[in-house]
Amino acid sequence: MGLAEGGCGTIITGCAVVSPDTVAFDRVMRIDNDRFIPGLKRLFGDLPHVDIAAELKKYASVPVCAVGSVFTLEAAEAIVASGKADFVAMGRAQMADPAIVRKSAEGRDAEIIKCLECNKCTFWTTGDPEVYCSINPDYRNNN
């Protein structure tokens, strides 16, 4: 039985760096009180999951989605154009600017609010109870 026959519609690649000791993780990743070094980029470079997606795509009978550290539409388009994935998810980029795709389609690239890669939105690594974004007030934790 293949993936599709077994009920799998898509393979989504990606992972999160989660430490059982978020305080230790916080100390390792913190530059200062307001900024974090993007963990996977620091350890594995840009687009760390794309090669995983590409390898899975060789064997998959269903679409493969690349996820993780894709912050620009140019990077997303390059991944799909290269054939390494069928589509791309851009969680943090869209959290920073939910209109990123529409702005680009309308030729308003200069208006796109870029993700700072500060990882404040990865609340499970910082110990915060809620997700929020440092530059998008719609996701800012106002507690």
N, C-alpha and C. Protein backbone atom coordinates (compact mmCIF):
# COMPACT_ATOMS: atom_id res chain seq x y z
N MET A 1 0.84 -1.17 0.00
CA MET A 1 0.00 0.00 0.00
C MET A 1 0.89 1.24 0.00
N GLY A 2 0.58 2.18 -0.88
CA GLY A 2 1.32 3.43 -0.95
C GLY A 2 0.79 4.46 0.04
N LEU A 3 1.47 5.58 0.10
CA LEU A 3 1.06 6.64 1.02
C LEU A 3 -0.35 7.13 0.74
N ALA A 4 -0.64 7.41 -0.54
CA ALA A 4 -1.96 7.93 -0.90
C ALA A 4 -3.05 6.91 -0.58
N GLU A 5 -2.79 5.66 -0.88
CA GLU A 5 -3.78 4.61 -0.60
C GLU A 5 -4.01 4.43 0.89
N GLY A 6 -3.00 4.75 1.66
CA GLY A 6 -3.12 4.64 3.12
C GLY A 6 -3.75 5.86 3.76
N GLY A 7 -4.09 6.87 2.94
CA GLY A 7 -4.77 8.04 3.47
C GLY A 7 -3.90 9.27 3.66
N CYS A 8 -2.63 9.18 3.29
CA CYS A 8 -1.72 10.33 3.42
C CYS A 8 -1.90 11.23 2.21
N GLY A 9 -2.22 12.50 2.44
CA GLY A 9 -2.41 13.42 1.35
C GLY A 9 -1.20 14.27 1.05
N THR A 10 -0.36 14.49 2.05
CA THR A 10 0.81 15.36 1.90
C THR A 10 1.86 14.96 2.92
N ILE A 11 3.13 15.10 2.55
CA ILE A 11 4.22 14.95 3.51
C ILE A 11 4.73 16.35 3.80
N ILE A 12 4.74 16.70 5.06
CA ILE A 12 5.22 18.02 5.47
C ILE A 12 6.53 17.83 6.22
N THR A 13 7.59 18.43 5.72
CA THR A 13 8.90 18.31 6.37
C THR A 13 9.14 19.54 7.23
N GLY A 14 9.82 19.34 8.30
CA GLY A 14 10.14 20.43 9.20
C GLY A 14 10.29 19.89 10.61
N CYS A 15 10.87 20.68 11.44
CA CYS A 15 11.00 20.28 12.83
C CYS A 15 11.16 21.52 13.68
N ALA A 16 11.04 21.34 14.96
CA ALA A 16 11.26 22.44 15.90
C ALA A 16 12.35 22.02 16.86
N VAL A 17 13.13 22.98 17.27
CA VAL A 17 14.15 22.70 18.28
C VAL A 17 13.50 22.96 19.63
N VAL A 18 13.22 21.89 20.34
CA VAL A 18 12.55 22.01 21.63
C VAL A 18 13.43 21.35 22.68
N SER A 19 13.67 22.07 23.73
CA SER A 19 14.47 21.56 24.82
C SER A 19 13.58 21.30 26.02
N PRO A 20 13.77 20.18 26.70
CA PRO A 20 12.99 19.97 27.92
C PRO A 20 13.33 21.00 28.99
N ASP A 21 14.48 21.64 28.83
CA ASP A 21 14.90 22.67 29.78
C ASP A 21 14.97 23.99 29.02
N THR A 22 13.82 24.70 28.94
CA THR A 22 13.78 25.92 28.13
C THR A 22 14.70 26.99 28.68
N VAL A 23 14.99 26.95 29.96
CA VAL A 23 15.90 27.95 30.53
C VAL A 23 17.30 27.75 29.95
N ALA A 24 17.76 26.50 29.87
CA ALA A 24 19.07 26.22 29.29
C ALA A 24 19.07 26.61 27.82
N PHE A 25 18.00 26.28 27.10
CA PHE A 25 17.90 26.65 25.68
C PHE A 25 17.98 28.16 25.54
N ASP A 26 17.26 28.86 26.42
CA ASP A 26 17.24 30.32 26.39
C ASP A 26 18.64 30.88 26.56
N ARG A 27 19.42 30.34 27.48
CA ARG A 27 20.78 30.85 27.71
C ARG A 27 21.67 30.61 26.50
N VAL A 28 21.52 29.47 25.88
CA VAL A 28 22.37 29.14 24.73
C VAL A 28 22.04 30.03 23.54
N MET A 29 20.76 30.30 23.32
CA MET A 29 20.34 30.99 22.12
C MET A 29 20.29 32.51 22.28
N ARG A 30 20.29 33.02 23.49
CA ARG A 30 20.10 34.46 23.70
C ARG A 30 21.38 35.23 23.38
N ILE A 31 21.24 36.29 22.60
CA ILE A 31 22.34 37.20 22.33
C ILE A 31 22.34 38.27 23.42
N ASP A 32 21.18 38.87 23.61
CA ASP A 32 20.99 39.85 24.68
C ASP A 32 19.54 39.72 25.12
N ASN A 33 19.01 40.69 25.82
CA ASN A 33 17.67 40.56 26.36
C ASN A 33 16.56 40.55 25.32
N ASP A 34 16.84 41.02 24.12
CA ASP A 34 15.78 41.16 23.13
C ASP A 34 15.95 40.32 21.88
N ARG A 35 17.10 39.75 21.65
CA ARG A 35 17.32 39.05 20.39
C ARG A 35 17.83 37.63 20.63
N PHE A 36 17.41 36.73 19.75
CA PHE A 36 17.88 35.36 19.79
C PHE A 36 18.60 35.05 18.49
N ILE A 37 19.59 34.21 18.54
CA ILE A 37 20.22 33.70 17.32
C ILE A 37 19.28 32.62 16.77
N PRO A 38 18.86 32.73 15.53
CA PRO A 38 18.02 31.68 14.97
C PRO A 38 18.75 30.34 15.06
N GLY A 39 18.19 29.43 15.84
CA GLY A 39 18.87 28.19 16.18
C GLY A 39 19.30 27.33 15.01
N LEU A 40 18.38 26.97 14.14
CA LEU A 40 18.74 26.08 13.04
C LEU A 40 19.69 26.75 12.06
N LYS A 41 19.49 28.04 11.81
CA LYS A 41 20.38 28.74 10.88
C LYS A 41 21.80 28.74 11.43
N ARG A 42 21.91 28.97 12.72
CA ARG A 42 23.22 28.99 13.35
C ARG A 42 23.90 27.62 13.24
N LEU A 43 23.13 26.58 13.39
CA LEU A 43 23.70 25.24 13.38
C LEU A 43 23.80 24.62 11.98
N PHE A 44 22.79 24.88 11.13
CA PHE A 44 22.70 24.16 9.87
C PHE A 44 22.64 25.03 8.63
N GLY A 45 22.71 26.36 8.76
CA GLY A 45 22.65 27.24 7.61
C GLY A 45 21.22 27.54 7.19
N ASP A 46 21.08 28.25 6.07
CA ASP A 46 19.77 28.61 5.55
C ASP A 46 19.04 27.38 5.04
N LEU A 47 17.73 27.40 5.15
CA LEU A 47 16.85 26.37 4.59
C LEU A 47 17.27 24.95 4.98
N PRO A 48 17.35 24.65 6.27
CA PRO A 48 17.89 23.36 6.70
C PRO A 48 17.04 22.14 6.34
N HIS A 49 15.76 22.33 6.02
CA HIS A 49 14.89 21.18 5.77
C HIS A 49 14.66 20.88 4.29
N VAL A 50 15.16 21.74 3.41
CA VAL A 50 14.88 21.58 1.99
C VAL A 50 15.47 20.28 1.44
N ASP A 51 16.65 19.93 1.86
CA ASP A 51 17.25 18.68 1.37
C ASP A 51 16.48 17.46 1.86
N ILE A 52 15.91 17.56 3.04
CA ILE A 52 15.07 16.47 3.56
C ILE A 52 13.84 16.33 2.67
N ALA A 53 13.21 17.46 2.35
CA ALA A 53 12.04 17.44 1.46
C ALA A 53 12.41 16.84 0.11
N ALA A 54 13.55 17.25 -0.43
CA ALA A 54 13.99 16.75 -1.74
C ALA A 54 14.19 15.24 -1.72
N GLU A 55 14.78 14.75 -0.65
CA GLU A 55 15.00 13.30 -0.56
C GLU A 55 13.68 12.55 -0.45
N LEU A 56 12.76 13.05 0.36
CA LEU A 56 11.45 12.41 0.49
C LEU A 56 10.67 12.46 -0.83
N LYS A 57 10.82 13.55 -1.54
CA LYS A 57 10.09 13.71 -2.81
C LYS A 57 10.49 12.65 -3.84
N LYS A 58 11.70 12.17 -3.76
CA LYS A 58 12.16 11.12 -4.68
C LYS A 58 11.31 9.86 -4.57
N TYR A 59 10.77 9.60 -3.39
CA TYR A 59 10.06 8.35 -3.12
C TYR A 59 8.58 8.53 -2.88
N ALA A 60 8.13 9.76 -2.69
CA ALA A 60 6.74 10.01 -2.31
C ALA A 60 5.80 9.97 -3.51
N SER A 61 4.62 9.44 -3.27
CA SER A 61 3.58 9.44 -4.29
C SER A 61 2.56 10.54 -4.02
N VAL A 62 2.83 11.37 -3.03
CA VAL A 62 1.96 12.48 -2.66
C VAL A 62 2.80 13.76 -2.63
N PRO A 63 2.18 14.92 -2.67
CA PRO A 63 2.94 16.18 -2.63
C PRO A 63 3.77 16.31 -1.35
N VAL A 64 4.93 16.95 -1.49
CA VAL A 64 5.83 17.18 -0.36
C VAL A 64 5.92 18.69 -0.13
N CYS A 65 5.76 19.08 1.14
CA CYS A 65 5.82 20.48 1.53
C CYS A 65 7.08 20.73 2.34
N ALA A 66 7.88 21.71 1.93
CA ALA A 66 9.08 22.09 2.69
C ALA A 66 8.67 23.14 3.72
N VAL A 67 9.11 22.94 4.94
CA VAL A 67 8.77 23.83 6.05
C VAL A 67 10.03 24.13 6.84
N GLY A 68 10.16 25.34 7.29
CA GLY A 68 11.25 25.67 8.21
C GLY A 68 12.24 26.66 7.67
N SER A 69 12.30 27.82 8.28
CA SER A 69 13.29 28.87 7.97
C SER A 69 13.20 29.39 6.54
N VAL A 70 12.00 29.37 5.97
CA VAL A 70 11.77 29.97 4.65
C VAL A 70 11.18 31.35 4.93
N PHE A 71 11.96 32.40 4.75
CA PHE A 71 11.54 33.73 5.16
C PHE A 71 11.23 34.67 4.01
N THR A 72 11.55 34.27 2.78
CA THR A 72 11.27 35.15 1.64
C THR A 72 10.52 34.37 0.55
N LEU A 73 9.74 35.12 -0.21
CA LEU A 73 9.05 34.50 -1.34
C LEU A 73 10.03 34.03 -2.39
N GLU A 74 11.14 34.73 -2.53
CA GLU A 74 12.17 34.30 -3.49
C GLU A 74 12.71 32.92 -3.13
N ALA A 75 12.95 32.71 -1.84
CA ALA A 75 13.43 31.39 -1.40
C ALA A 75 12.36 30.33 -1.65
N ALA A 76 11.11 30.65 -1.35
CA ALA A 76 10.02 29.69 -1.56
C ALA A 76 9.89 29.34 -3.04
N GLU A 77 9.93 30.35 -3.89
CA GLU A 77 9.83 30.11 -5.33
C GLU A 77 11.00 29.28 -5.85
N ALA A 78 12.19 29.53 -5.33
CA ALA A 78 13.37 28.78 -5.76
C ALA A 78 13.27 27.31 -5.36
N ILE A 79 12.73 27.05 -4.19
CA ILE A 79 12.57 25.67 -3.73
C ILE A 79 11.63 24.92 -4.66
N VAL A 80 10.49 25.52 -4.96
CA VAL A 80 9.51 24.86 -5.83
C VAL A 80 10.07 24.73 -7.25
N ALA A 81 10.70 25.79 -7.76
CA ALA A 81 11.27 25.75 -9.12
C ALA A 81 12.35 24.68 -9.25
N SER A 82 13.08 24.44 -8.17
CA SER A 82 14.15 23.43 -8.21
C SER A 82 13.61 22.01 -8.20
N GLY A 83 12.32 21.87 -7.87
CA GLY A 83 11.73 20.54 -7.80
C GLY A 83 11.97 19.84 -6.47
N LYS A 84 12.56 20.52 -5.51
CA LYS A 84 12.86 19.89 -4.23
C LYS A 84 11.62 19.73 -3.36
N ALA A 85 10.58 20.50 -3.62
CA ALA A 85 9.31 20.37 -2.91
C ALA A 85 8.20 20.83 -3.84
N ASP A 86 7.00 20.35 -3.56
CA ASP A 86 5.85 20.74 -4.38
C ASP A 86 5.26 22.07 -3.94
N PHE A 87 5.37 22.36 -2.67
CA PHE A 87 4.97 23.65 -2.15
C PHE A 87 5.71 23.92 -0.85
N VAL A 88 5.58 25.16 -0.35
CA VAL A 88 6.37 25.61 0.80
C VAL A 88 5.44 26.28 1.80
N ALA A 89 5.68 26.04 3.08
CA ALA A 89 4.96 26.75 4.14
C ALA A 89 5.91 27.77 4.76
N MET A 90 5.38 28.96 5.01
CA MET A 90 6.20 30.05 5.55
C MET A 90 5.52 30.61 6.80
N GLY A 91 5.57 29.90 7.88
CA GLY A 91 4.87 30.29 9.10
C GLY A 91 5.31 31.61 9.69
N ARG A 92 6.59 31.73 10.01
CA ARG A 92 7.06 32.95 10.67
C ARG A 92 7.00 34.16 9.75
N ALA A 93 7.28 33.97 8.47
CA ALA A 93 7.21 35.09 7.52
C ALA A 93 5.77 35.60 7.41
N GLN A 94 4.80 34.68 7.41
CA GLN A 94 3.41 35.10 7.31
C GLN A 94 2.87 35.62 8.64
N MET A 95 3.47 35.22 9.74
CA MET A 95 3.08 35.80 11.01
C MET A 95 3.55 37.26 11.07
N ALA A 96 4.74 37.53 10.59
CA ALA A 96 5.27 38.89 10.57
C ALA A 96 4.44 39.77 9.64
N ASP A 97 4.05 39.25 8.49
CA ASP A 97 3.23 40.01 7.55
C ASP A 97 2.26 39.05 6.86
N PRO A 98 1.03 38.94 7.40
CA PRO A 98 0.05 38.02 6.81
C PRO A 98 -0.28 38.33 5.35
N ALA A 99 0.04 39.53 4.88
CA ALA A 99 -0.26 39.92 3.50
C ALA A 99 0.96 39.79 2.58
N ILE A 100 1.96 39.03 2.99
CA ILE A 100 3.21 38.93 2.22
C ILE A 100 2.96 38.48 0.77
N VAL A 101 2.12 37.50 0.57
CA VAL A 101 1.88 36.99 -0.79
C VAL A 101 1.10 38.00 -1.60
N ARG A 102 0.05 38.57 -1.02
CA ARG A 102 -0.76 39.55 -1.74
C ARG A 102 0.08 40.78 -2.12
N LYS A 103 0.87 41.28 -1.18
CA LYS A 103 1.72 42.44 -1.47
C LYS A 103 2.68 42.14 -2.62
N SER A 104 3.26 40.97 -2.62
CA SER A 104 4.19 40.60 -3.70
C SER A 104 3.46 40.49 -5.03
N ALA A 105 2.30 39.85 -5.03
CA ALA A 105 1.52 39.69 -6.26
C ALA A 105 1.10 41.04 -6.84
N GLU A 106 0.91 42.02 -5.96
CA GLU A 106 0.51 43.37 -6.39
C GLU A 106 1.71 44.26 -6.68
N GLY A 107 2.94 43.71 -6.63
CA GLY A 107 4.14 44.48 -6.92
C GLY A 107 4.53 45.44 -5.80
N ARG A 108 4.12 45.13 -4.58
CA ARG A 108 4.39 46.00 -3.43
C ARG A 108 5.42 45.36 -2.51
N ASP A 109 6.45 44.78 -3.08
CA ASP A 109 7.47 44.08 -2.29
C ASP A 109 8.13 44.97 -1.25
N ALA A 110 8.29 46.24 -1.54
CA ALA A 110 8.93 47.16 -0.59
C ALA A 110 8.11 47.33 0.69
N GLU A 111 6.82 47.00 0.64
CA GLU A 111 5.94 47.15 1.80
C GLU A 111 5.92 45.90 2.69
N ILE A 112 6.53 44.83 2.24
CA ILE A 112 6.51 43.59 3.02
C ILE A 112 7.29 43.78 4.32
N ILE A 113 6.65 43.43 5.42
CA ILE A 113 7.30 43.48 6.72
C ILE A 113 8.04 42.16 6.90
N LYS A 114 9.34 42.23 7.01
CA LYS A 114 10.17 41.03 7.06
C LYS A 114 10.29 40.49 8.48
N CYS A 115 10.26 39.19 8.60
CA CYS A 115 10.48 38.50 9.87
C CYS A 115 11.89 38.81 10.35
N LEU A 116 12.03 39.11 11.62
CA LEU A 116 13.34 39.42 12.20
C LEU A 116 14.13 38.16 12.56
N GLU A 117 13.49 37.00 12.49
CA GLU A 117 14.09 35.73 12.89
C GLU A 117 14.55 35.78 14.36
N CYS A 118 13.80 36.50 15.18
CA CYS A 118 14.16 36.62 16.59
C CYS A 118 13.68 35.42 17.42
N ASN A 119 12.79 34.62 16.83
CA ASN A 119 12.24 33.43 17.48
C ASN A 119 11.36 33.72 18.69
N LYS A 120 10.91 34.95 18.86
CA LYS A 120 9.98 35.25 19.94
C LYS A 120 8.67 34.49 19.72
N CYS A 121 8.33 34.19 18.49
CA CYS A 121 7.08 33.49 18.19
C CYS A 121 7.15 32.00 18.51
N THR A 122 8.33 31.49 18.70
CA THR A 122 8.47 30.07 19.05
C THR A 122 8.33 29.94 20.56
N PHE A 123 7.13 30.21 21.02
CA PHE A 123 6.84 30.30 22.45
C PHE A 123 7.20 29.05 23.23
N TRP A 124 7.17 27.90 22.59
CA TRP A 124 7.49 26.67 23.31
C TRP A 124 8.97 26.60 23.70
N THR A 125 9.81 27.43 23.07
CA THR A 125 11.23 27.43 23.42
C THR A 125 11.58 28.52 24.42
N THR A 126 10.70 29.51 24.57
CA THR A 126 10.99 30.63 25.46
C THR A 126 10.25 30.53 26.78
N GLY A 127 9.31 29.61 26.89
CA GLY A 127 8.54 29.47 28.11
C GLY A 127 7.33 30.38 28.18
N ASP A 128 7.10 31.18 27.14
CA ASP A 128 5.92 32.05 27.12
C ASP A 128 4.67 31.20 26.93
N PRO A 129 3.56 31.59 27.57
CA PRO A 129 2.34 30.80 27.44
C PRO A 129 1.60 31.01 26.12
N GLU A 130 1.93 32.07 25.37
CA GLU A 130 1.22 32.36 24.13
C GLU A 130 2.20 32.73 23.02
N VAL A 131 1.75 32.54 21.80
CA VAL A 131 2.55 32.94 20.65
C VAL A 131 2.40 34.45 20.45
N TYR A 132 3.47 35.10 20.07
CA TYR A 132 3.41 36.51 19.68
C TYR A 132 4.56 36.82 18.75
N CYS A 133 4.42 37.94 18.05
CA CYS A 133 5.42 38.36 17.08
C CYS A 133 5.99 39.71 17.49
N SER A 134 7.29 39.85 17.45
CA SER A 134 7.95 41.08 17.86
C SER A 134 7.59 42.28 16.99
N ILE A 135 7.25 42.04 15.71
CA ILE A 135 6.99 43.17 14.82
C ILE A 135 5.56 43.27 14.34
N ASN A 136 4.74 42.27 14.62
CA ASN A 136 3.33 42.32 14.21
C ASN A 136 2.47 42.45 15.46
N PRO A 137 1.88 43.62 15.68
CA PRO A 137 1.11 43.84 16.91
C PRO A 137 -0.11 42.92 17.03
N ASP A 138 -0.58 42.35 15.93
CA ASP A 138 -1.70 41.42 16.03
C ASP A 138 -1.32 40.14 16.77
N TYR A 139 -0.03 39.85 16.85
CA TYR A 139 0.46 38.67 17.56
C TYR A 139 1.26 39.01 18.79
N ARG A 140 1.26 40.27 19.18
CA ARG A 140 2.07 40.70 20.32
C ARG A 140 1.37 40.31 21.62
N ASN A 141 2.14 39.81 22.56
CA ASN A 141 1.63 39.45 23.88
C ASN A 141 1.57 40.72 24.72
N ASN A 142 0.36 41.17 25.01
CA ASN A 142 0.18 42.42 25.75
C ASN A 142 -0.08 42.20 27.23
N ASN A 143 0.26 41.08 27.77
CA ASN A 143 0.01 40.81 29.19
C ASN A 143 1.00 41.55 30.06
